[in-house]
Amino acid sequence: MSGNKTWGTQNRTLWFWVFVGPFALGLLVFTYVPLAWSVYLSFFDAHNTVSPTDFIGFDNYTSMLRNEAFTDSLVTFAVFSAFIVPTTFVLSLALALMVNRIRRAQAFFRSVFFLPAACSYVVAALIWKLSIFNGVRFGLANTVLGWFGADQTAWLSTTDPPWYWLVIVTVRLWLQAGFYMILFLAGLQRISPTLYEAAAVDGARPGWQVLRHITLPQLRATSVAVTLLLVINAFQSFDEFYNLLSNSSGYPPYARPPLVYLYYTALGREQNLGLGSAGAVLLALIIAVVTVGQARWFGLGRKED
């Protein structure tokens, strides 16, 4: 009897590794090994090589921190976050509130608003660049402006005023608002209807009062999670910036987020993999510090009274 039990346990363990093993191996080979190797490269002078021998300690880190282009990329991130985080938060919450009130065809509207999240960032960026915000008069935005007698605008090359921010923010907003709407919608559906009934009995008026005193407090955990995800995703922005702003002449000197700058540092003309790896490690540390700081600020994980 005990032998059969032992064989059953071993059999379950075997099937566990049959299913999990390939994914664990892929995670190790394609994620953790490259991460560890990137940290290793950051301590070497790694020009045009992934197997350097010239150890230079923390020189790559000090060079990166003193590099004005790297600090400018962090400023670009800060500006992008200031635009995209609150606008996505408000729009996705508004969509969730609207869809949650729909009694018929709710699944249809939920799917319609979520559908852009399945679109490739590269494809969406090219649609925005070549069709909607094309700098010539045939672009959709310039066509609409022409109806009102306005001049044509080179949306992606005009820096005063910086119209390129409108293009970058709107494409990211279109791509991700539906995903965060789903998160808010899940939070809304967890709120007990008895809270709204009790509020109505106490004389609370539907609308702003109920939203402020019932809905938003109940969505606190969801709101914190959405904010954290939005900031992290803003740090990781690359596809929309690169595909919108780069051309045959290269990338312009403005609006370079950290990943675009690190891409050109590590894979550009100099191919300084050591310096690029140091920048990637610094960026990961910044993301970790910002995330932990936000979590502590919002009291994530703290027991509610």
Protein backbone atom coordinates (compact mmCIF):
# COMPACT_ATOMS: atom_id res chain seq x y z
CA MET A 1 0.00 0.00 0.00
CA SER A 2 2.77 2.37 0.95
CA GLY A 3 4.58 1.47 -2.26
CA ASN A 4 1.58 2.50 -4.36
CA LYS A 5 1.34 5.79 -2.44
CA THR A 6 5.03 6.50 -3.04
CA TRP A 7 4.65 5.71 -6.75
CA GLY A 8 1.60 7.99 -6.94
CA THR A 9 3.55 10.83 -5.36
CA GLN A 10 6.49 10.31 -7.72
CA ASN A 11 4.12 10.14 -10.68
CA ARG A 12 2.54 13.48 -9.76
CA THR A 13 6.01 15.01 -9.35
CA LEU A 14 7.05 13.65 -12.74
CA TRP A 15 4.02 15.12 -14.50
CA PHE A 16 4.53 18.41 -12.68
CA TRP A 17 8.02 18.76 -14.18
CA VAL A 18 6.82 17.53 -17.58
CA PHE A 19 4.43 20.48 -17.79
CA VAL A 20 6.33 23.10 -15.80
CA GLY A 21 9.89 22.15 -16.77
CA PRO A 22 9.93 23.60 -20.32
CA PHE A 23 8.51 26.92 -19.12
CA ALA A 24 10.92 27.05 -16.17
CA LEU A 25 13.83 26.28 -18.49
CA GLY A 26 12.74 28.96 -20.94
CA LEU A 27 12.38 31.49 -18.11
CA LEU A 28 15.86 30.63 -16.87
CA VAL A 29 17.55 30.73 -20.29
CA PHE A 30 15.77 33.73 -21.81
CA THR A 31 15.15 35.89 -18.73
CA TYR A 32 17.31 35.21 -15.69
CA VAL A 33 20.55 34.36 -17.50
CA PRO A 34 20.40 37.52 -19.68
CA LEU A 35 19.60 39.61 -16.59
CA ALA A 36 22.56 38.18 -14.69
CA TRP A 37 24.82 38.61 -17.73
CA SER A 38 23.71 42.23 -18.09
CA VAL A 39 24.72 42.93 -14.50
CA TYR A 40 28.05 41.20 -15.22
CA LEU A 41 28.66 43.29 -18.35
CA SER A 42 27.98 46.51 -16.45
CA PHE A 43 31.30 46.12 -14.60
CA PHE A 44 33.38 45.70 -17.76
CA ASP A 45 34.48 47.75 -20.73
CA ALA A 46 32.31 45.88 -23.22
CA HIS A 47 32.61 47.58 -26.59
CA ASN A 48 31.32 45.36 -29.40
CA THR A 49 31.57 42.23 -27.28
CA VAL A 50 29.47 40.20 -24.84
CA SER A 51 32.50 38.45 -23.34
CA PRO A 52 34.73 41.29 -22.11
CA THR A 53 37.91 40.95 -20.07
CA ASP A 54 38.67 44.55 -19.06
CA PHE A 55 37.16 44.97 -15.58
CA ILE A 56 36.48 48.63 -14.73
CA GLY A 57 34.34 48.37 -11.59
CA PHE A 58 31.69 51.06 -11.19
CA ASP A 59 33.06 53.35 -13.94
CA ASN A 60 30.11 52.59 -16.23
CA TYR A 61 27.69 53.54 -13.46
CA THR A 62 29.42 56.83 -12.68
CA SER A 63 29.64 57.67 -16.39
CA MET A 64 25.95 56.96 -16.84
CA LEU A 65 24.92 59.07 -13.86
CA ARG A 66 27.04 61.97 -15.14
CA ASN A 67 25.70 61.58 -18.67
CA GLU A 68 23.36 64.46 -19.46
CA ALA A 69 21.58 62.42 -22.15
CA PHE A 70 20.61 59.78 -19.57
CA THR A 71 19.26 62.35 -17.13
CA ASP A 72 17.39 64.01 -20.00
CA SER A 73 15.78 60.65 -20.77
CA LEU A 74 14.54 60.49 -17.18
CA VAL A 75 13.06 63.97 -17.64
CA THR A 76 11.32 62.71 -20.79
CA PHE A 77 9.91 59.86 -18.74
CA ALA A 78 8.69 62.29 -16.06
CA VAL A 79 6.89 64.42 -18.68
CA PHE A 80 5.39 61.34 -20.32
CA SER A 81 4.20 60.03 -16.95
CA ALA A 82 2.69 63.39 -16.06
CA PHE A 83 0.58 63.14 -19.21
CA ILE A 84 -0.24 59.45 -19.50
CA VAL A 85 -0.77 58.32 -15.89
CA PRO A 86 -3.61 60.68 -14.88
CA THR A 87 -5.30 60.67 -18.30
CA THR A 88 -5.34 56.87 -18.50
CA PHE A 89 -6.50 56.60 -14.90
CA VAL A 90 -9.41 58.99 -15.39
CA LEU A 91 -10.45 57.64 -18.81
CA SER A 92 -10.31 53.98 -17.78
CA LEU A 93 -12.26 54.70 -14.58
CA ALA A 94 -14.88 56.65 -16.55
CA LEU A 95 -15.23 53.80 -19.07
CA ALA A 96 -15.56 51.27 -16.25
CA LEU A 97 -18.27 53.33 -14.54
CA MET A 98 -20.13 53.69 -17.81
CA VAL A 99 -19.91 50.01 -18.78
CA ASN A 100 -20.86 48.94 -15.25
CA ARG A 101 -24.13 50.88 -15.52
CA ILE A 102 -25.08 49.24 -18.81
CA ARG A 103 -27.63 46.49 -18.34
CA ARG A 104 -27.82 45.24 -21.94
CA ALA A 105 -24.93 44.17 -24.15
CA GLN A 106 -22.42 44.84 -21.37
CA ALA A 107 -20.13 42.10 -22.66
CA PHE A 108 -20.16 43.69 -26.13
CA PHE A 109 -19.08 47.14 -24.90
CA ARG A 110 -16.52 45.60 -22.56
CA SER A 111 -14.99 43.75 -25.50
CA VAL A 112 -15.07 46.79 -27.77
CA PHE A 113 -13.21 48.98 -25.29
CA PHE A 114 -10.74 46.21 -24.44
CA LEU A 115 -9.99 45.29 -28.07
CA PRO A 116 -7.23 47.93 -28.62
CA ALA A 117 -5.21 46.30 -25.82
CA ALA A 118 -4.71 43.31 -28.13
CA CYS A 119 -3.24 45.51 -30.86
CA SER A 120 0.52 45.64 -31.40
CA TYR A 121 2.21 48.84 -30.22
CA VAL A 122 4.22 48.91 -33.44
CA VAL A 123 1.13 48.62 -35.65
CA ALA A 124 -0.76 51.26 -33.67
CA ALA A 125 2.22 53.64 -33.76
CA LEU A 126 2.50 53.27 -37.54
CA ILE A 127 -1.23 53.91 -37.99
CA TRP A 128 -0.94 57.07 -35.90
CA LYS A 129 2.19 58.15 -37.80
CA LEU A 130 1.15 57.38 -41.38
CA SER A 131 -2.61 57.90 -41.31
CA ILE A 132 -3.88 60.05 -38.45
CA PHE A 133 -1.03 62.42 -37.63
CA ASN A 134 0.76 62.39 -40.95
CA GLY A 135 2.53 65.71 -41.39
CA VAL A 136 1.19 66.26 -44.90
CA ARG A 137 -2.26 67.53 -45.82
CA PHE A 138 -3.56 64.01 -46.46
CA GLY A 139 -3.29 63.03 -42.80
CA LEU A 140 -6.60 62.74 -40.95
CA ALA A 141 -5.74 65.33 -38.30
CA ASN A 142 -4.57 67.89 -40.87
CA THR A 143 -7.62 67.17 -43.03
CA VAL A 144 -9.94 67.99 -40.13
CA LEU A 145 -7.94 71.14 -39.32
CA GLY A 146 -8.16 72.15 -42.99
CA TRP A 147 -11.96 72.14 -42.76
CA PHE A 148 -11.66 75.00 -40.26
CA GLY A 149 -9.04 76.88 -42.26
CA ALA A 150 -6.13 75.99 -39.97
CA ASP A 151 -2.60 75.51 -41.27
CA GLN A 152 -1.03 72.09 -41.67
CA THR A 153 0.99 70.84 -38.72
CA ALA A 154 4.08 68.65 -38.77
CA TRP A 155 2.95 66.78 -35.68
CA LEU A 156 6.06 64.70 -35.03
CA SER A 157 8.75 67.24 -35.92
CA THR A 158 7.34 70.40 -34.36
CA THR A 159 9.06 71.14 -31.05
CA ASP A 160 7.60 74.59 -30.37
CA PRO A 161 4.94 73.82 -29.32
CA PRO A 162 5.81 70.13 -28.82
CA TRP A 163 2.89 68.59 -30.72
CA TYR A 164 4.62 65.20 -30.75
CA TRP A 165 3.43 64.69 -27.17
CA LEU A 166 -0.16 64.71 -28.42
CA VAL A 167 0.63 61.89 -30.83
CA ILE A 168 2.58 59.79 -28.30
CA VAL A 169 0.07 60.19 -25.47
CA THR A 170 -3.02 59.52 -27.60
CA VAL A 171 -1.66 56.29 -29.11
CA ARG A 172 -0.66 54.95 -25.67
CA LEU A 173 -4.01 56.09 -24.25
CA TRP A 174 -5.91 54.25 -26.98
CA LEU A 175 -3.85 51.11 -26.48
CA GLN A 176 -4.04 50.75 -22.71
CA ALA A 177 -7.22 52.43 -21.47
CA GLY A 178 -9.31 49.32 -22.16
CA PHE A 179 -7.02 47.07 -20.13
CA TYR A 180 -7.21 49.27 -17.04
CA MET A 181 -10.94 49.65 -17.58
CA ILE A 182 -11.20 45.88 -17.04
CA LEU A 183 -9.32 46.19 -13.75
CA PHE A 184 -11.61 48.97 -12.54
CA LEU A 185 -14.67 47.06 -13.75
CA ALA A 186 -13.61 44.04 -11.70
CA GLY A 187 -13.24 46.29 -8.66
CA LEU A 188 -16.66 47.86 -9.23
CA GLN A 189 -18.36 44.49 -9.46
CA ARG A 190 -16.90 43.51 -6.10
CA ILE A 191 -18.62 46.41 -4.32
CA SER A 192 -21.65 45.17 -2.41
CA PRO A 193 -24.97 46.66 -3.61
CA THR A 194 -26.03 46.99 0.04
CA LEU A 195 -23.59 49.89 0.42
CA TYR A 196 -25.40 51.85 -2.26
CA GLU A 197 -28.76 50.93 -0.78
CA ALA A 198 -27.65 52.12 2.64
CA ALA A 199 -26.33 55.35 1.12
CA ALA A 200 -29.68 55.94 -0.60
CA VAL A 201 -31.51 55.40 2.69
CA ASP A 202 -29.21 57.93 4.37
CA GLY A 203 -30.11 60.50 1.71
CA ALA A 204 -27.00 60.36 -0.48
CA ARG A 205 -27.72 61.71 -3.92
CA PRO A 206 -26.72 59.54 -6.91
CA GLY A 207 -23.75 60.93 -8.76
CA TRP A 208 -20.83 62.75 -7.18
CA GLN A 209 -21.76 62.06 -3.55
CA VAL A 210 -22.04 58.30 -4.07
CA LEU A 211 -18.91 58.25 -6.23
CA ARG A 212 -16.87 60.19 -3.68
CA HIS A 213 -18.02 58.51 -0.47
CA ILE A 214 -18.80 54.95 -1.62
CA THR A 215 -17.29 54.02 -4.98
CA LEU A 216 -13.83 55.60 -4.81
CA PRO A 217 -13.03 54.42 -1.26
CA GLN A 218 -14.05 50.89 -2.21
CA LEU A 219 -11.79 51.08 -5.27
CA ARG A 220 -8.75 52.12 -3.25
CA ALA A 221 -6.79 48.87 -3.69
CA THR A 222 -7.59 48.75 -7.41
CA SER A 223 -6.64 52.41 -7.85
CA VAL A 224 -3.26 51.85 -6.18
CA ALA A 225 -2.55 48.81 -8.36
CA VAL A 226 -3.53 50.69 -11.52
CA THR A 227 -1.32 53.65 -10.61
CA LEU A 228 1.67 51.40 -9.94
CA LEU A 229 1.20 49.56 -13.23
CA LEU A 230 0.83 52.81 -15.15
CA VAL A 231 4.09 54.24 -13.76
CA ILE A 232 6.00 51.01 -14.42
CA ASN A 233 4.66 50.81 -17.97
CA ALA A 234 5.61 54.44 -18.55
CA PHE A 235 9.19 53.59 -17.54
CA GLN A 236 9.17 50.76 -20.08
CA SER A 237 7.90 52.86 -22.99
CA PHE A 238 9.85 52.19 -26.18
CA ASP A 239 7.78 50.99 -29.14
CA GLU A 240 5.59 54.05 -29.58
CA PHE A 241 8.49 56.50 -29.19
CA TYR A 242 10.81 54.63 -31.53
CA ASN A 243 8.28 53.90 -34.26
CA LEU A 244 6.69 57.35 -34.17
CA LEU A 245 9.78 59.53 -34.05
CA SER A 246 12.56 57.58 -35.77
CA ASN A 247 13.08 57.86 -39.51
CA SER A 248 15.69 57.11 -42.14
CA SER A 249 17.95 59.77 -40.61
CA GLY A 250 17.81 58.22 -37.16
CA TYR A 251 16.12 59.35 -33.97
CA PRO A 252 15.65 63.07 -33.21
CA PRO A 253 17.49 64.63 -30.25
CA TYR A 254 14.25 65.26 -28.32
CA ALA A 255 11.75 62.96 -26.57
CA ARG A 256 14.13 60.11 -25.81
CA PRO A 257 12.81 57.94 -22.98
CA PRO A 258 15.29 55.78 -21.03
CA LEU A 259 14.84 52.61 -23.10
CA VAL A 260 15.34 54.44 -26.39
CA TYR A 261 18.51 56.06 -25.06
CA LEU A 262 19.83 52.72 -23.76
CA TYR A 263 18.98 51.07 -27.07
CA TYR A 264 21.17 53.51 -28.99
CA THR A 265 23.90 53.30 -26.34
CA ALA A 266 24.16 49.51 -26.42
CA LEU A 267 23.26 48.82 -30.05
CA GLY A 268 24.14 52.08 -31.78
CA ARG A 269 27.37 52.99 -33.51
CA GLU A 270 29.59 52.55 -30.44
CA GLN A 271 27.81 49.40 -29.22
CA ASN A 272 28.90 50.06 -25.65
CA LEU A 273 27.20 47.06 -24.04
CA GLY A 274 28.85 47.71 -20.69
CA LEU A 275 27.55 51.27 -20.44
CA GLY A 276 24.13 50.22 -21.72
CA SER A 277 23.96 47.40 -19.18
CA ALA A 278 24.85 49.80 -16.38
CA GLY A 279 22.06 52.10 -17.51
CA ALA A 280 19.63 49.18 -17.59
CA VAL A 281 20.57 48.19 -14.04
CA LEU A 282 20.16 51.79 -12.88
CA LEU A 283 16.77 52.00 -14.58
CA ALA A 284 15.66 48.75 -12.90
CA LEU A 285 16.74 50.13 -9.52
CA ILE A 286 14.88 53.39 -10.15
CA ILE A 287 11.72 51.46 -11.08
CA ALA A 288 12.05 49.35 -7.93
CA VAL A 289 12.56 52.39 -5.70
CA VAL A 290 9.66 54.31 -7.27
CA THR A 291 7.38 51.27 -7.02
CA VAL A 292 8.22 50.59 -3.37
CA GLY A 293 7.90 54.30 -2.57
CA GLN A 294 4.49 54.46 -4.19
CA ALA A 295 3.36 51.30 -2.43
CA ARG A 296 4.39 52.69 0.95
CA TRP A 297 2.85 56.08 0.17
CA PHE A 298 -0.49 54.50 -0.72
CA GLY A 299 -0.26 51.98 2.10
CA LEU A 300 -0.39 48.95 -0.19
CA GLY A 301 -0.66 45.79 1.86
CA ARG A 302 -1.48 47.68 5.04
CA LYS A 303 -4.38 46.30 7.02
CA GLU A 304 -7.39 48.57 6.93
CA ASP A 305 -9.01 49.61 10.15
